[in-house]
PDB file of N, CA and C in Angstrom:
ATOM      1  N   MET A   1     143.395 151.159 104.994  1.00  0.00           N
ATOM      2  CA  MET A   1     143.400 151.504 103.574  1.00  0.00           C
ATOM      3  C   MET A   1     143.706 151.272 102.358  1.00  0.00           C
ATOM      4  N   PHE A   2     143.055 150.876 101.316  1.00  0.00           N
ATOM      5  CA  PHE A   2     143.340 151.070  99.656  1.00  0.00           C
ATOM      6  C   PHE A   2     142.802 151.173  98.974  1.00  0.00           C
ATOM      7  N   ILE A   3     143.286 150.551  97.795  1.00  0.00           N
ATOM      8  CA  ILE A   3     142.944 151.505  96.544  1.00  0.00           C
ATOM      9  C   ILE A   3     142.150 150.449  96.295  1.00  0.00           C
ATOM     10  N   LYS A   4     140.697 150.772  96.049  1.00  0.00           N
ATOM     11  CA  LYS A   4     139.175 150.444  95.409  1.00  0.00           C
ATOM     12  C   LYS A   4     138.837 151.147  93.422  1.00  0.00           C
ATOM     13  N   VAL A   5     138.307 150.370  92.886  1.00  0.00           N
ATOM     14  CA  VAL A   5     138.649 150.765  91.239  1.00  0.00           C
ATOM     15  C   VAL A   5     137.233 150.431  91.160  1.00  0.00           C
ATOM     16  N   HIS A   6     136.243 151.319  90.739  1.00  0.00           N
ATOM     17  CA  HIS A   6     135.656 150.856  89.814  1.00  0.00           C
ATOM     18  C   HIS A   6     135.276 151.253  88.765  1.00  0.00           C
ATOM     19  N   ARG A   7     134.601 150.197  87.525  1.00  0.00           N
ATOM     20  CA  ARG A   7     134.473 149.492  86.721  1.00  0.00           C
ATOM     21  C   ARG A   7     136.073 149.090  85.635  1.00  0.00           C
ATOM     22  N   PRO A   8     137.143 148.476  85.882  1.00  0.00           N
ATOM     23  CA  PRO A   8     138.656 147.719  85.994  1.00  0.00           C
ATOM     24  C   PRO A   8     138.378 147.943  84.955  1.00  0.00           C
ATOM     25  N   LYS A   9     139.336 147.991  83.797  1.00  0.00           N
ATOM     26  CA  LYS A   9     139.388 147.662  82.742  1.00  0.00           C
ATOM     27  C   LYS A   9     140.480 147.261  82.412  1.00  0.00           C
ATOM     28  N   LYS A  10     141.321 146.262  82.177  1.00  0.00           N
ATOM     29  CA  LYS A  10     142.388 145.553  82.598  1.00  0.00           C
ATOM     30  C   LYS A  10     143.135 145.293  80.511  1.00  0.00           C
ATOM     31  N   ASN A  11     144.199 144.958  80.270  1.00  0.00           N
ATOM     32  CA  ASN A  11     144.412 144.774  78.657  1.00  0.00           C
ATOM     33  C   ASN A  11     145.667 143.239  78.895  1.00  0.00           C
ATOM     34  N   GLU A  12     146.171 142.923  78.259  1.00  0.00           N
ATOM     35  CA  GLU A  12     145.907 142.027  77.586  1.00  0.00           C
ATOM     36  C   GLU A  12     146.892 140.590  78.228  1.00  0.00           C
ATOM     37  N   GLU A  13     147.552 141.335  78.722  1.00  0.00           N
ATOM     38  CA  GLU A  13     148.060 141.046  80.544  1.00  0.00           C
ATOM     39  C   GLU A  13     147.634 140.646  81.672  1.00  0.00           C
ATOM     40  N   GLY A  14     146.406 141.546  82.275  1.00  0.00           N
ATOM     41  CA  GLY A  14     145.940 141.281  82.797  1.00  0.00           C
ATOM     42  C   GLY A  14     145.659 142.601  84.023  1.00  0.00           C
ATOM     43  N   LEU A  15     146.744 143.274  84.184  1.00  0.00           N
ATOM     44  CA  LEU A  15     147.038 144.919  84.354  1.00  0.00           C
ATOM     45  C   LEU A  15     146.000 145.780  84.649  1.00  0.00           C
ATOM     46  N   ILE A  16     145.718 146.385  85.507  1.00  0.00           N
ATOM     47  CA  ILE A  16     144.540 147.567  85.061  1.00  0.00           C
ATOM     48  C   ILE A  16     144.554 148.980  84.469  1.00  0.00           C
ATOM     49  N   VAL A  17     144.538 149.034  83.430  1.00  0.00           N
ATOM     50  CA  VAL A  17     144.672 150.769  82.753  1.00  0.00           C
ATOM     51  C   VAL A  17     143.173 151.161  82.214  1.00  0.00           C
ATOM     52  N   GLY A  18     142.276 150.936  82.534  1.00  0.00           N
ATOM     53  CA  GLY A  18     141.163 151.701  82.929  1.00  0.00           C
ATOM     54  C   GLY A  18     140.593 151.826  84.504  1.00  0.00           C
ATOM     55  N   GLY A  19     139.186 152.670  84.638  1.00  0.00           N
ATOM     56  CA  GLY A  19     138.684 152.779  85.404  1.00  0.00           C
ATOM     57  C   GLY A  19     138.338 154.206  86.300  1.00  0.00           C
ATOM     58  N   SER A  20     138.546 154.179  87.544  1.00  0.00           N
ATOM     59  CA  SER A  20     137.886 154.994  88.126  1.00  0.00           C
ATOM     60  C   SER A  20     138.549 154.958  89.452  1.00  0.00           C
ATOM     61  N   ALA A  21     139.187 155.229  90.687  1.00  0.00           N
ATOM     62  CA  ALA A  21     139.517 154.516  91.422  1.00  0.00           C
ATOM     63  C   ALA A  21     139.483 155.629  93.055  1.00  0.00           C
ATOM     64  N   TYR A  22     139.383 155.443  94.124  1.00  0.00           N
ATOM     65  CA  TYR A  22     139.442 156.525  95.127  1.00  0.00           C
ATOM     66  C   TYR A  22     140.102 155.127  96.644  1.00  0.00           C
ATOM     67  N   VAL A  23     140.437 156.252  97.870  1.00  0.00           N
ATOM     68  CA  VAL A  23     141.062 155.193  98.329  1.00  0.00           C
ATOM     69  C   VAL A  23     139.640 155.138  99.749  1.00  0.00           C
ATOM     70  N   ALA A  24     139.775 154.106  99.740  1.00  0.00           N
ATOM     71  CA  ALA A  24     138.368 154.028 100.623  1.00  0.00           C
ATOM     72  C   ALA A  24     139.064 153.091 102.462  1.00  0.00           C
ATOM     73  N   GLN A  25     138.503 152.999 103.032  1.00  0.00           N
ATOM     74  CA  GLN A  25     138.754 152.206 104.149  1.00  0.00           C
ATOM     75  C   GLN A  25     137.463 151.697 105.148  1.00  0.00           C
ATOM     76  N   SER A  26     138.587 150.070 105.418  1.00  0.00           N
ATOM     77  CA  SER A  26     137.122 149.812 106.080  1.00  0.00           C
ATOM     78  C   SER A  26     137.168 149.742 107.630  1.00  0.00           C
ATOM     79  N   SER A  27     136.290 149.811 108.154  1.00  0.00           N
ATOM     80  CA  SER A  27     135.910 149.449 109.384  1.00  0.00           C
ATOM     81  C   SER A  27     134.575 148.945 109.850  1.00  0.00           C
ATOM     82  N   TYR A  28     134.883 148.828 111.213  1.00  0.00           N
ATOM     83  CA  TYR A  28     133.911 147.558 111.660  1.00  0.00           C
ATOM     84  C   TYR A  28     132.830 147.879 112.445  1.00  0.00           C
ATOM     85  N   ASP A  29     131.797 147.462 112.128  1.00  0.00           N
ATOM     86  CA  ASP A  29     130.426 148.481 112.232  1.00  0.00           C
ATOM     87  C   ASP A  29     129.340 147.532 113.047  1.00  0.00           C
ATOM     88  N   LYS A  30     129.518 147.234 114.762  1.00  0.00           N
ATOM     89  CA  LYS A  30     128.015 146.463 115.064  1.00  0.00           C
ATOM     90  C   LYS A  30     127.616 146.302 115.182  1.00  0.00           C
ATOM     91  N   GLY A  31     127.122 148.045 114.511  1.00  0.00           N
ATOM     92  CA  GLY A  31     125.595 148.276 115.227  1.00  0.00           C
ATOM     93  C   GLY A  31     124.848 147.944 113.674  1.00  0.00           C
ATOM     94  N   VAL A  32     125.232 147.856 112.844  1.00  0.00           N
ATOM     95  CA  VAL A  32     124.063 147.544 111.314  1.00  0.00           C
ATOM     96  C   VAL A  32     124.450 145.836 111.732  1.00  0.00           C
ATOM     97  N   GLU A  33     122.557 145.441 111.496  1.00  0.00           N
ATOM     98  CA  GLU A  33     122.065 144.632 111.271  1.00  0.00           C
ATOM     99  C   GLU A  33     122.569 143.886 110.379  1.00  0.00           C
ATOM    100  N   SER A  34     122.486 144.376 109.324  1.00  0.00           N
ATOM    101  CA  SER A  34     123.031 143.770 107.457  1.00  0.00           C
ATOM    102  C   SER A  34     123.998 143.492 107.190  1.00  0.00           C
ATOM    103  N   GLY A  35     125.080 143.889 108.450  1.00  0.00           N
ATOM    104  CA  GLY A  35     126.355 143.815 107.760  1.00  0.00           C
ATOM    105  C   GLY A  35     126.929 144.654 108.852  1.00  0.00           C
ATOM    106  N   TYR A  36     128.242 143.794 109.144  1.00  0.00           N
ATOM    107  CA  TYR A  36     129.236 144.559 110.138  1.00  0.00           C
ATOM    108  C   TYR A  36     130.776 144.982 109.561  1.00  0.00           C
ATOM    109  N   SER A  37     131.061 145.123 108.440  1.00  0.00           N
ATOM    110  CA  SER A  37     131.858 146.005 107.819  1.00  0.00           C
ATOM    111  C   SER A  37     131.436 147.362 106.715  1.00  0.00           C
ATOM    112  N   ARG A  38     132.196 148.461 107.415  1.00  0.00           N
ATOM    113  CA  ARG A  38     131.337 149.207 106.369  1.00  0.00           C
ATOM    114  C   ARG A  38     132.658 150.123 105.402  1.00  0.00           C
ATOM    115  N   GLN A  39     132.410 150.772 104.062  1.00  0.00           N
ATOM    116  CA  GLN A  39     133.484 151.421 103.075  1.00  0.00           C
ATOM    117  C   GLN A  39     133.720 152.641 103.124  1.00  0.00           C
ATOM    118  N   THR A  40     134.546 153.399 103.804  1.00  0.00           N
ATOM    119  CA  THR A  40     134.543 154.325 103.469  1.00  0.00           C
ATOM    120  C   THR A  40     135.770 155.294 101.844  1.00  0.00           C
ATOM    121  N   ILE A  41     134.937 156.654 101.330  1.00  0.00           N
ATOM    122  CA  ILE A  41     136.062 157.005 100.777  1.00  0.00           C
ATOM    123  C   ILE A  41     136.381 157.833 101.564  1.00  0.00           C
ATOM    124  N   ILE A  42     137.782 158.015 101.327  1.00  0.00           N
ATOM    125  CA  ILE A  42     138.909 158.728 101.740  1.00  0.00           C
ATOM    126  C   ILE A  42     139.375 159.959 101.310  1.00  0.00           C
ATOM    127  N   GLU A  43     139.288 159.123  99.872  1.00  0.00           N
ATOM    128  CA  GLU A  43     140.042 160.235  98.943  1.00  0.00           C
ATOM    129  C   GLU A  43     139.694 159.811  97.176  1.00  0.00           C
ATOM    130  N   ARG A  44     139.279 161.080  96.372  1.00  0.00           N
ATOM    131  CA  ARG A  44     138.838 160.468  95.309  1.00  0.00           C
ATOM    132  C   ARG A  44     140.365 160.844  94.141  1.00  0.00           C
ATOM    133  N   LEU A  45     140.991 159.657  93.386  1.00  0.00           N
ATOM    134  CA  LEU A  45     141.935 159.849  93.432  1.00  0.00           C
ATOM    135  C   LEU A  45     141.777 159.725  91.289  1.00  0.00           C
ATOM    136  N   GLY A  46     140.392 159.534  91.242  1.00  0.00           N
ATOM    137  CA  GLY A  46     140.048 159.649  89.527  1.00  0.00           C
ATOM    138  C   GLY A  46     140.206 158.777  88.761  1.00  0.00           C
ATOM    139  N   ARG A  47     140.692 159.102  87.257  1.00  0.00           N
ATOM    140  CA  ARG A  47     141.090 157.672  86.598  1.00  0.00           C
ATOM    141  C   ARG A  47     142.173 156.836  86.818  1.00  0.00           C
ATOM    142  N   VAL A  48     142.326 156.515  86.307  1.00  0.00           N
ATOM    143  CA  VAL A  48     143.077 154.703  86.136  1.00  0.00           C
ATOM    144  C   VAL A  48     143.352 155.002  84.665  1.00  0.00           C
ATOM    145  N   ALA A  49     145.405 155.511  85.115  1.00  0.00           N
ATOM    146  CA  ALA A  49     146.088 155.216  83.732  1.00  0.00           C
ATOM    147  C   ALA A  49     146.871 154.107  83.959  1.00  0.00           C
ATOM    148  N   GLU A  50     147.045 153.562  84.427  1.00  0.00           N
ATOM    149  CA  GLU A  50     148.183 152.626  85.194  1.00  0.00           C
ATOM    150  C   GLU A  50     148.860 152.231  86.150  1.00  0.00           C
ATOM    151  N   MET A  51     148.229 151.072  87.024  1.00  0.00           N
ATOM    152  CA  MET A  51     148.268 150.621  88.222  1.00  0.00           C
ATOM    153  C   MET A  51     148.971 149.242  88.659  1.00  0.00           C
ATOM    154  N   SER A  52     149.826 148.853  88.978  1.00  0.00           N
ATOM    155  CA  SER A  52     150.743 148.009  89.795  1.00  0.00           C
ATOM    156  C   SER A  52     149.651 146.638  89.878  1.00  0.00           C
ATOM    157  N   SER A  53     150.665 145.664  89.476  1.00  0.00           N
ATOM    158  CA  SER A  53     149.989 144.371  90.015  1.00  0.00           C
ATOM    159  C   SER A  53     148.951 144.084  91.190  1.00  0.00           C
ATOM    160  N   ASP A  54     149.955 144.785  92.386  1.00  0.00           N
ATOM    161  CA  ASP A  54     149.496 144.407  93.985  1.00  0.00           C
ATOM    162  C   ASP A  54     148.643 145.343  93.786  1.00  0.00           C
ATOM    163  N   ARG A  55     148.431 146.412  93.045  1.00  0.00           N
ATOM    164  CA  ARG A  55     147.059 146.743  93.113  1.00  0.00           C
ATOM    165  C   ARG A  55     147.760 148.364  94.740  1.00  0.00           C
ATOM    166  N   LYS A  56     148.711 148.513  94.900  1.00  0.00           N
ATOM    167  CA  LYS A  56     149.342 149.053  95.710  1.00  0.00           C
ATOM    168  C   LYS A  56     149.214 150.974  95.062  1.00  0.00           C
ATOM    169  N   SER A  57     149.907 151.363  93.894  1.00  0.00           N
ATOM    170  CA  SER A  57     150.119 152.390  93.591  1.00  0.00           C
ATOM    171  C   SER A  57     149.602 152.139  91.994  1.00  0.00           C
ATOM    172  N   GLY A  58     149.848 153.622  91.211  1.00  0.00           N
ATOM    173  CA  GLY A  58     149.247 153.365  90.656  1.00  0.00           C
ATOM    174  C   GLY A  58     149.468 155.263  89.697  1.00  0.00           C
ATOM    175  N   LEU A  59     149.341 155.306  88.279  1.00  0.00           N
ATOM    176  CA  LEU A  59     148.573 156.756  88.094  1.00  0.00           C
ATOM    177  C   LEU A  59     147.742 156.205  87.543  1.00  0.00           C
ATOM    178  N   PHE A  60     147.124 157.991  88.080  1.00  0.00           N
ATOM    179  CA  PHE A  60     145.661 158.476  88.566  1.00  0.00           C
ATOM    180  C   PHE A  60     145.659 160.165  87.830  1.00  0.00           C
ATOM    181  N   LEU A  61     144.406 159.884  86.638  1.00  0.00           N
ATOM    182  CA  LEU A  61     143.914 161.105  86.331  1.00  0.00           C
ATOM    183  C   LEU A  61     143.028 161.689  86.823  1.00  0.00           C
ATOM    184  N   SER A  62     143.281 163.120  87.485  1.00  0.00           N
ATOM    185  CA  SER A  62     141.884 163.267  87.815  1.00  0.00           C
ATOM    186  C   SER A  62     142.146 165.465  87.591  1.00  0.00           C
ATOM    187  N   CYS A  63     140.846 165.357  87.699  1.00  0.00           N
ATOM    188  CA  CYS A  63     139.853 165.919  86.700  1.00  0.00           C
ATOM    189  C   CYS A  63     139.727 167.919  87.904  1.00  0.00           C
TER     190      CYS A  63
END
């Protein structure tokens, strides 16, 4: 599983300080002709307030 950021906004230092995020899981699907991997949303985290440089943790504003 990994954190995926949609429409990331970065500050001057290159850190992500905006956008929306969700936890996704990538899985292998050999039955699909167009591609072999598929991403599935596990949980929506909300807006990104602050995110670490390695993209493994952060602060999120959920509604």
